[in-house]
Amino acid sequence: MTGTTGPAGRVQSPADLGLSVLVVEDDAGIATQLVRGLSRGGYQVDHVLTGGEALAWGEPDVVLLDLELPDADGVQVCRRLREKSRAAMAIIVVTAHGEESDRVVALDAGADDYLVKPFGLAELQARIRAVLRRVRPEGEVTRHGPLTVDMRTRKVTVSGAEIALTPKEFDILECLAADPGRVVSRQEILESAWDAHWYGPSKVLDVHVAALRRKLGRPGLIETVYGRGFRLGGV
């Protein structure tokens, strides 16, 4: 997730920014997981089954395009989407085919990235953030009181002092910083910072949050909402 600073210092989430994702996938199970996970991340998500529907759609910010569609060649759909779209629309191919030749053909057809199934939600969200940074470089720094989080450089400062975080600690903080004040469930954080298929003990999240609080030096920055999850709180 990523955001920008809005009025009164409030950090805008993907939903605030109106970031939309179109999932082009004829497998109902995969599509349901993608829609659910990205919606939790704050994106406006729509789903279509065919290439024809995708081409008739408007211009979302991101298209997740399966290459095996029931009505059309996915590569040709990718090429036509790129021809008709504005440059700021990102196309990420999601497919079971991982051969180099398949990647080359899709990228040459206009895809911005190529993700091989199966993949985790955390990786997908990272890919979306990366392609959006390339096509719309604004909106990479979020601020909440003394806390500043730079999504592009993964740099965190508190009152101007840089804080060294592990990759997992940064992922947790990024998830919370996308919308300060909103309670983020434990499951949502695990799916974002770990993987949608994480089956390990949820206690690992508490260990990382405790370490993150110590490093930030302001325990009140991350509040525990018992029975619900965590949020960035008052400062």
C-alpha atoms as a PDB file:
ATOM      1  CA  MET A   1       0.000   0.000   0.000  1.00  0.00           C
ATOM      2  CA  THR A   2       1.051   3.542  -0.605  1.00  0.00           C
ATOM      3  CA  GLY A   3      -0.354   7.007  -0.083  1.00  0.00           C
ATOM      4  CA  THR A   4       0.152  10.740  -0.030  1.00  0.00           C
ATOM      5  CA  THR A   5      -0.301  13.384   2.604  1.00  0.00           C
ATOM      6  CA  GLY A   6      -3.694  15.056   2.362  1.00  0.00           C
ATOM      7  CA  PRO A   7      -5.369  17.881   4.289  1.00  0.00           C
ATOM      8  CA  ALA A   8      -4.274  18.327   7.900  1.00  0.00           C
ATOM      9  CA  GLY A   9      -1.456  15.845   7.427  1.00  0.00           C
ATOM     10  CA  ARG A  10      -3.754  12.858   6.958  1.00  0.00           C
ATOM     11  CA  VAL A  11      -2.135  10.141   4.876  1.00  0.00           C
ATOM     12  CA  GLN A  12      -4.260   9.113   1.924  1.00  0.00           C
ATOM     13  CA  SER A  13      -4.799   5.418   1.252  1.00  0.00           C
ATOM     14  CA  PRO A  14      -5.250   3.844  -2.186  1.00  0.00           C
ATOM     15  CA  ALA A  15      -8.991   4.274  -1.631  1.00  0.00           C
ATOM     16  CA  ASP A  16      -8.558   8.003  -0.890  1.00  0.00           C
ATOM     17  CA  LEU A  17      -6.529   8.345  -4.066  1.00  0.00           C
ATOM     18  CA  GLY A  18      -9.144   6.465  -6.074  1.00  0.00           C
ATOM     19  CA  LEU A  19      -6.655   3.822  -7.186  1.00  0.00           C
ATOM     20  CA  SER A  20      -8.487   1.153  -9.144  1.00  0.00           C
ATOM     21  CA  VAL A  21      -7.541  -2.372 -10.182  1.00  0.00           C
ATOM     22  CA  LEU A  22      -9.215  -4.465 -12.879  1.00  0.00           C
ATOM     23  CA  VAL A  23      -8.731  -8.214 -12.448  1.00  0.00           C
ATOM     24  CA  VAL A  24      -9.024 -10.084 -15.758  1.00  0.00           C
ATOM     25  CA  GLU A  25      -9.241 -13.728 -14.676  1.00  0.00           C
ATOM     26  CA  ASP A  26     -11.622 -16.560 -15.588  1.00  0.00           C
ATOM     27  CA  ASP A  27     -10.708 -18.742 -12.589  1.00  0.00           C
ATOM     28  CA  ALA A  28     -13.323 -17.831  -9.969  1.00  0.00           C
ATOM     29  CA  GLY A  29     -11.223 -19.035  -7.029  1.00  0.00           C
ATOM     30  CA  ILE A  30      -8.158 -17.015  -7.971  1.00  0.00           C
ATOM     31  CA  ALA A  31     -10.262 -13.962  -8.836  1.00  0.00           C
ATOM     32  CA  THR A  32     -12.057 -14.059  -5.477  1.00  0.00           C
ATOM     33  CA  GLN A  33      -8.767 -14.134  -3.582  1.00  0.00           C
ATOM     34  CA  LEU A  34      -7.346 -11.239  -5.602  1.00  0.00           C
ATOM     35  CA  VAL A  35     -10.449  -9.099  -5.232  1.00  0.00           C
ATOM     36  CA  ARG A  36     -10.679  -9.744  -1.492  1.00  0.00           C
ATOM     37  CA  GLY A  37      -6.994  -9.151  -0.774  1.00  0.00           C
ATOM     38  CA  LEU A  38      -6.635  -5.989  -2.848  1.00  0.00           C
ATOM     39  CA  SER A  39      -9.912  -4.573  -1.538  1.00  0.00           C
ATOM     40  CA  ARG A  40      -8.567  -4.985   1.986  1.00  0.00           C
ATOM     41  CA  GLY A  41      -5.514  -3.066   0.828  1.00  0.00           C
ATOM     42  CA  GLY A  42      -7.693  -0.074  -0.034  1.00  0.00           C
ATOM     43  CA  TYR A  43      -7.955  -0.466  -3.800  1.00  0.00           C
ATOM     44  CA  GLN A  44     -11.184  -0.235  -5.758  1.00  0.00           C
ATOM     45  CA  VAL A  45     -11.290  -3.639  -7.443  1.00  0.00           C
ATOM     46  CA  ASP A  46     -13.420  -4.877 -10.338  1.00  0.00           C
ATOM     47  CA  HIS A  47     -13.376  -8.287 -11.987  1.00  0.00           C
ATOM     48  CA  VAL A  48     -14.099  -9.445 -15.527  1.00  0.00           C
ATOM     49  CA  LEU A  49     -13.860 -12.914 -17.039  1.00  0.00           C
ATOM     50  CA  THR A  50     -12.875 -12.272 -20.644  1.00  0.00           C
ATOM     51  CA  GLY A  51     -10.548 -10.263 -22.825  1.00  0.00           C
ATOM     52  CA  GLY A  52     -13.509  -8.674 -24.571  1.00  0.00           C
ATOM     53  CA  GLU A  53     -14.830  -7.333 -21.269  1.00  0.00           C
ATOM     54  CA  ALA A  54     -11.396  -6.007 -20.382  1.00  0.00           C
ATOM     55  CA  LEU A  55     -11.104  -4.132 -23.673  1.00  0.00           C
ATOM     56  CA  ALA A  56     -14.579  -2.677 -23.227  1.00  0.00           C
ATOM     57  CA  TRP A  57     -13.749  -1.476 -19.698  1.00  0.00           C
ATOM     58  CA  GLY A  58     -12.595   2.024 -18.911  1.00  0.00           C
ATOM     59  CA  GLU A  59      -9.026   2.823 -17.871  1.00  0.00           C
ATOM     60  CA  PRO A  60      -8.214   1.548 -14.379  1.00  0.00           C
ATOM     61  CA  ASP A  61      -4.910   2.409 -12.736  1.00  0.00           C
ATOM     62  CA  VAL A  62      -3.781  -1.225 -12.796  1.00  0.00           C
ATOM     63  CA  VAL A  63      -4.836  -4.231 -14.883  1.00  0.00           C
ATOM     64  CA  LEU A  64      -4.024  -7.726 -13.597  1.00  0.00           C
ATOM     65  CA  LEU A  65      -4.201  -9.759 -16.788  1.00  0.00           C
ATOM     66  CA  ASP A  66      -4.292 -13.542 -17.035  1.00  0.00           C
ATOM     67  CA  LEU A  67      -2.955 -14.736 -20.382  1.00  0.00           C
ATOM     68  CA  GLU A  68      -5.216 -17.793 -20.626  1.00  0.00           C
ATOM     69  CA  LEU A  69      -8.606 -16.269 -21.388  1.00  0.00           C
ATOM     70  CA  PRO A  70     -11.652 -18.111 -22.752  1.00  0.00           C
ATOM     71  CA  ASP A  71     -12.275 -15.748 -25.668  1.00  0.00           C
ATOM     72  CA  ALA A  72      -8.941 -14.281 -26.731  1.00  0.00           C
ATOM     73  CA  ASP A  73      -5.153 -14.554 -26.715  1.00  0.00           C
ATOM     74  CA  GLY A  74      -3.990 -12.780 -23.583  1.00  0.00           C
ATOM     75  CA  VAL A  75      -0.925 -11.321 -25.311  1.00  0.00           C
ATOM     76  CA  GLN A  76      -3.126  -9.723 -27.968  1.00  0.00           C
ATOM     77  CA  VAL A  77      -5.405  -8.355 -25.260  1.00  0.00           C
ATOM     78  CA  CYS A  78      -2.352  -6.889 -23.542  1.00  0.00           C
ATOM     79  CA  ARG A  79      -1.224  -5.233 -26.773  1.00  0.00           C
ATOM     80  CA  ARG A  80      -4.656  -3.745 -27.436  1.00  0.00           C
ATOM     81  CA  LEU A  81      -4.991  -2.497 -23.856  1.00  0.00           C
ATOM     82  CA  ARG A  82      -1.665  -0.730 -24.153  1.00  0.00           C
ATOM     83  CA  GLU A  83      -2.616   0.797 -27.511  1.00  0.00           C
ATOM     84  CA  LYS A  84      -5.873   2.229 -26.192  1.00  0.00           C
ATOM     85  CA  SER A  85      -4.747   3.230 -22.707  1.00  0.00           C
ATOM     86  CA  ARG A  86      -3.053   6.257 -21.306  1.00  0.00           C
ATOM     87  CA  ALA A  87       0.582   5.791 -20.340  1.00  0.00           C
ATOM     88  CA  ALA A  88      -0.258   5.924 -16.634  1.00  0.00           C
ATOM     89  CA  MET A  89      -2.210   2.645 -16.728  1.00  0.00           C
ATOM     90  CA  ALA A  90      -0.085  -0.236 -15.448  1.00  0.00           C
ATOM     91  CA  ILE A  91      -0.498  -3.758 -16.835  1.00  0.00           C
ATOM     92  CA  ILE A  92       0.726  -6.706 -14.777  1.00  0.00           C
ATOM     93  CA  VAL A  93       0.492 -10.106 -16.432  1.00  0.00           C
ATOM     94  CA  VAL A  94      -0.371 -12.942 -14.016  1.00  0.00           C
ATOM     95  CA  THR A  95       0.006 -16.398 -15.516  1.00  0.00           C
ATOM     96  CA  ALA A  96       1.098 -19.968 -14.862  1.00  0.00           C
ATOM     97  CA  HIS A  97       3.637 -19.781 -17.689  1.00  0.00           C
ATOM     98  CA  GLY A  98       7.067 -18.786 -16.437  1.00  0.00           C
ATOM     99  CA  GLU A  99       9.276 -19.468 -19.441  1.00  0.00           C
ATOM    100  CA  GLU A 100      11.565 -16.659 -20.540  1.00  0.00           C
ATOM    101  CA  SER A 101      10.029 -16.593 -24.029  1.00  0.00           C
ATOM    102  CA  ASP A 102       6.555 -16.026 -22.538  1.00  0.00           C
ATOM    103  CA  ARG A 103       7.856 -13.160 -20.410  1.00  0.00           C
ATOM    104  CA  VAL A 104       9.571 -11.524 -23.371  1.00  0.00           C
ATOM    105  CA  VAL A 105       6.451 -11.712 -25.553  1.00  0.00           C
ATOM    106  CA  ALA A 106       4.223 -10.217 -22.837  1.00  0.00           C
ATOM    107  CA  LEU A 107       6.645  -7.416 -21.985  1.00  0.00           C
ATOM    108  CA  ASP A 108       7.082  -6.593 -25.657  1.00  0.00           C
ATOM    109  CA  ALA A 109       3.279  -6.432 -25.953  1.00  0.00           C
ATOM    110  CA  GLY A 110       3.211  -3.640 -23.381  1.00  0.00           C
ATOM    111  CA  ALA A 111       3.083  -5.332 -19.985  1.00  0.00           C
ATOM    112  CA  ASP A 112       4.831  -3.438 -17.182  1.00  0.00           C
ATOM    113  CA  ASP A 113       5.491  -6.548 -15.109  1.00  0.00           C
ATOM    114  CA  TYR A 114       5.049 -10.321 -15.217  1.00  0.00           C
ATOM    115  CA  LEU A 115       4.090 -12.443 -12.216  1.00  0.00           C
ATOM    116  CA  VAL A 116       4.034 -16.250 -12.293  1.00  0.00           C
ATOM    117  CA  LYS A 117       1.348 -18.189 -10.407  1.00  0.00           C
ATOM    118  CA  PRO A 118       1.228 -19.145  -7.632  1.00  0.00           C
ATOM    119  CA  PHE A 119       2.257 -15.960  -5.857  1.00  0.00           C
ATOM    120  CA  GLY A 120       1.579 -14.333  -2.498  1.00  0.00           C
ATOM    121  CA  LEU A 121      -0.536 -11.255  -1.905  1.00  0.00           C
ATOM    122  CA  ALA A 122       2.400  -9.403  -0.353  1.00  0.00           C
ATOM    123  CA  GLU A 123       4.481  -9.856  -3.508  1.00  0.00           C
ATOM    124  CA  LEU A 124       1.580  -8.791  -5.723  1.00  0.00           C
ATOM    125  CA  GLN A 125       1.029  -5.624  -3.693  1.00  0.00           C
ATOM    126  CA  ALA A 126       4.735  -4.855  -3.867  1.00  0.00           C
ATOM    127  CA  ARG A 127       4.652  -5.279  -7.662  1.00  0.00           C
ATOM    128  CA  ILE A 128       1.633  -2.954  -7.884  1.00  0.00           C
ATOM    129  CA  ARG A 129       3.381  -0.322  -5.782  1.00  0.00           C
ATOM    130  CA  ALA A 130       6.494  -0.636  -7.946  1.00  0.00           C
ATOM    131  CA  VAL A 131       4.703  -0.180 -11.264  1.00  0.00           C
ATOM    132  CA  LEU A 132       2.656   2.711  -9.901  1.00  0.00           C
ATOM    133  CA  ARG A 133       5.860   4.403  -8.753  1.00  0.00           C
ATOM    134  CA  ARG A 134       7.182   4.141 -12.298  1.00  0.00           C
ATOM    135  CA  VAL A 135       4.080   5.539 -13.973  1.00  0.00           C
ATOM    136  CA  ARG A 136       3.117   8.067 -11.283  1.00  0.00           C
ATOM    137  CA  PRO A 137       6.124   8.894  -9.107  1.00  0.00           C
ATOM    138  CA  GLU A 138       4.255  11.292  -6.821  1.00  0.00           C
ATOM    139  CA  GLY A 139       2.765  10.173  -3.534  1.00  0.00           C
ATOM    140  CA  GLU A 140       5.604   8.093  -2.149  1.00  0.00           C
ATOM    141  CA  VAL A 141       6.088   9.810   1.221  1.00  0.00           C
ATOM    142  CA  THR A 142       3.595   9.538   4.074  1.00  0.00           C
ATOM    143  CA  ARG A 143       3.693  11.561   7.287  1.00  0.00           C
ATOM    144  CA  HIS A 144       1.963  11.137  10.625  1.00  0.00           C
ATOM    145  CA  GLY A 145       3.039  13.513  13.380  1.00  0.00           C
ATOM    146  CA  PRO A 146       6.795  13.010  13.892  1.00  0.00           C
ATOM    147  CA  LEU A 147       6.780   9.887  11.702  1.00  0.00           C
ATOM    148  CA  THR A 148       7.800   9.981   8.029  1.00  0.00           C
ATOM    149  CA  VAL A 149       7.729   6.888   5.812  1.00  0.00           C
ATOM    150  CA  ASP A 150       9.280   7.024   2.338  1.00  0.00           C
ATOM    151  CA  MET A 151       7.783   4.159   0.340  1.00  0.00           C
ATOM    152  CA  ARG A 152      10.271   4.418  -2.516  1.00  0.00           C
ATOM    153  CA  THR A 153      13.484   4.394  -0.495  1.00  0.00           C
ATOM    154  CA  ARG A 154      11.971   2.478   2.460  1.00  0.00           C
ATOM    155  CA  LYS A 155      13.409   5.136   4.746  1.00  0.00           C
ATOM    156  CA  VAL A 156      11.739   5.891   8.087  1.00  0.00           C
ATOM    157  CA  THR A 157      12.414   8.888  10.318  1.00  0.00           C
ATOM    158  CA  VAL A 158      11.002  10.013  13.656  1.00  0.00           C
ATOM    159  CA  SER A 159      11.437  13.720  14.415  1.00  0.00           C
ATOM    160  CA  GLY A 160      14.065  13.832  11.671  1.00  0.00           C
ATOM    161  CA  ALA A 161      16.148  10.935  13.019  1.00  0.00           C
ATOM    162  CA  GLU A 162      16.432   7.956  10.682  1.00  0.00           C
ATOM    163  CA  ILE A 163      15.287   4.622  12.124  1.00  0.00           C
ATOM    164  CA  ALA A 164      16.799   1.369  10.848  1.00  0.00           C
ATOM    165  CA  LEU A 165      14.089  -1.254  10.364  1.00  0.00           C
ATOM    166  CA  THR A 166      14.161  -4.815   9.131  1.00  0.00           C
ATOM    167  CA  PRO A 167      12.238  -5.479   5.880  1.00  0.00           C
ATOM    168  CA  LYS A 168       9.403  -7.129   7.823  1.00  0.00           C
ATOM    169  CA  GLU A 169       9.164  -4.240  10.291  1.00  0.00           C
ATOM    170  CA  PHE A 170       8.956  -1.781   7.417  1.00  0.00           C
ATOM    171  CA  ASP A 171       6.225  -3.845   5.722  1.00  0.00           C
ATOM    172  CA  ILE A 172       4.161  -3.768   8.922  1.00  0.00           C
ATOM    173  CA  LEU A 173       4.655  -0.026   9.350  1.00  0.00           C
ATOM    174  CA  GLU A 174       3.801   0.615   5.698  1.00  0.00           C
ATOM    175  CA  CYS A 175       0.558  -1.302   6.133  1.00  0.00           C
ATOM    176  CA  LEU A 176      -0.413   0.842   9.131  1.00  0.00           C
ATOM    177  CA  ALA A 177       0.770   4.122   7.605  1.00  0.00           C
ATOM    178  CA  ALA A 178      -1.458   3.744   4.563  1.00  0.00           C
ATOM    179  CA  ASP A 179      -4.372   5.102   6.618  1.00  0.00           C
ATOM    180  CA  PRO A 180      -3.505   6.339  10.138  1.00  0.00           C
ATOM    181  CA  GLY A 181      -6.347   5.902  12.563  1.00  0.00           C
ATOM    182  CA  ARG A 182      -7.897   2.989  10.698  1.00  0.00           C
ATOM    183  CA  VAL A 183      -7.731  -0.284  12.577  1.00  0.00           C
ATOM    184  CA  VAL A 184      -5.855  -2.845  10.484  1.00  0.00           C
ATOM    185  CA  SER A 185      -6.719  -6.422  11.398  1.00  0.00           C
ATOM    186  CA  ARG A 186      -4.044  -8.903  12.339  1.00  0.00           C
ATOM    187  CA  GLN A 187      -5.007 -11.052   9.364  1.00  0.00           C
ATOM    188  CA  GLU A 188      -4.698  -8.134   6.961  1.00  0.00           C
ATOM    189  CA  ILE A 189      -1.216  -7.312   8.236  1.00  0.00           C
ATOM    190  CA  LEU A 190      -0.139 -10.943   8.014  1.00  0.00           C
ATOM    191  CA  GLU A 191      -1.423 -11.209   4.450  1.00  0.00           C
ATOM    192  CA  SER A 192       0.264  -7.951   3.452  1.00  0.00           C
ATOM    193  CA  ALA A 193       3.603  -8.309   5.256  1.00  0.00           C
ATOM    194  CA  TRP A 194       3.917 -12.094   5.029  1.00  0.00           C
ATOM    195  CA  ASP A 195       1.687 -13.970   2.613  1.00  0.00           C
ATOM    196  CA  ALA A 196      -1.980 -14.636   1.961  1.00  0.00           C
ATOM    197  CA  HIS A 197      -1.278 -18.308   2.672  1.00  0.00           C
ATOM    198  CA  TRP A 198       0.591 -17.741   5.948  1.00  0.00           C
ATOM    199  CA  TYR A 199      -0.247 -20.559   8.356  1.00  0.00           C
ATOM    200  CA  GLY A 200       2.384 -19.916  11.010  1.00  0.00           C
ATOM    201  CA  PRO A 201       1.667 -18.631  14.534  1.00  0.00           C
ATOM    202  CA  SER A 202       0.151 -15.136  14.601  1.00  0.00           C
ATOM    203  CA  LYS A 203       2.295 -14.459  17.685  1.00  0.00           C
ATOM    204  CA  VAL A 204       5.138 -13.658  15.269  1.00  0.00           C
ATOM    205  CA  LEU A 205       3.293 -10.419  14.472  1.00  0.00           C
ATOM    206  CA  ASP A 206       3.315  -9.357  18.130  1.00  0.00           C
ATOM    207  CA  VAL A 207       7.065  -9.948  18.302  1.00  0.00           C
ATOM    208  CA  HIS A 208       7.699  -7.727  15.271  1.00  0.00           C
ATOM    209  CA  VAL A 209       5.297  -5.013  16.454  1.00  0.00           C
ATOM    210  CA  ALA A 210       7.033  -4.930  19.845  1.00  0.00           C
ATOM    211  CA  ALA A 211      10.420  -4.524  18.146  1.00  0.00           C
ATOM    212  CA  LEU A 212       8.996  -1.840  15.871  1.00  0.00           C
ATOM    213  CA  ARG A 213       7.647   0.123  18.833  1.00  0.00           C
ATOM    214  CA  ARG A 214      11.022  -0.003  20.581  1.00  0.00           C
ATOM    215  CA  LYS A 215      12.841   1.257  17.499  1.00  0.00           C
ATOM    216  CA  LEU A 216      10.392   4.089  16.854  1.00  0.00           C
ATOM    217  CA  GLY A 217      10.895   5.192  20.450  1.00  0.00           C
ATOM    218  CA  ARG A 218       7.272   6.278  20.822  1.00  0.00           C
ATOM    219  CA  PRO A 219       5.096   3.373  21.978  1.00  0.00           C
ATOM    220  CA  GLY A 220       1.941   5.417  21.423  1.00  0.00           C
ATOM    221  CA  LEU A 221       2.586   5.592  17.678  1.00  0.00           C
ATOM    222  CA  ILE A 222       1.289   2.031  17.274  1.00  0.00           C
ATOM    223  CA  GLU A 223      -1.840   1.278  19.254  1.00  0.00           C
ATOM    224  CA  THR A 224      -3.241  -2.169  19.957  1.00  0.00           C
ATOM    225  CA  VAL A 225      -7.013  -2.376  19.517  1.00  0.00           C
ATOM    226  CA  TYR A 226      -7.787  -5.544  21.417  1.00  0.00           C
ATOM    227  CA  GLY A 227      -9.745  -8.109  19.512  1.00  0.00           C
ATOM    228  CA  ARG A 228      -9.366  -6.172  16.267  1.00  0.00           C
ATOM    229  CA  GLY A 229      -5.773  -5.320  15.337  1.00  0.00           C
ATOM    230  CA  PHE A 230      -3.434  -2.324  15.268  1.00  0.00           C
ATOM    231  CA  ARG A 231      -3.453   1.290  14.113  1.00  0.00           C
ATOM    232  CA  LEU A 232      -1.257   4.356  14.083  1.00  0.00           C
ATOM    233  CA  GLY A 233      -2.487   6.382  16.997  1.00  0.00           C
ATOM    234  CA  GLY A 234      -2.084   9.750  18.593  1.00  0.00           C
ATOM    235  CA  VAL A 235       1.344  11.283  18.785  1.00  0.00           C
END
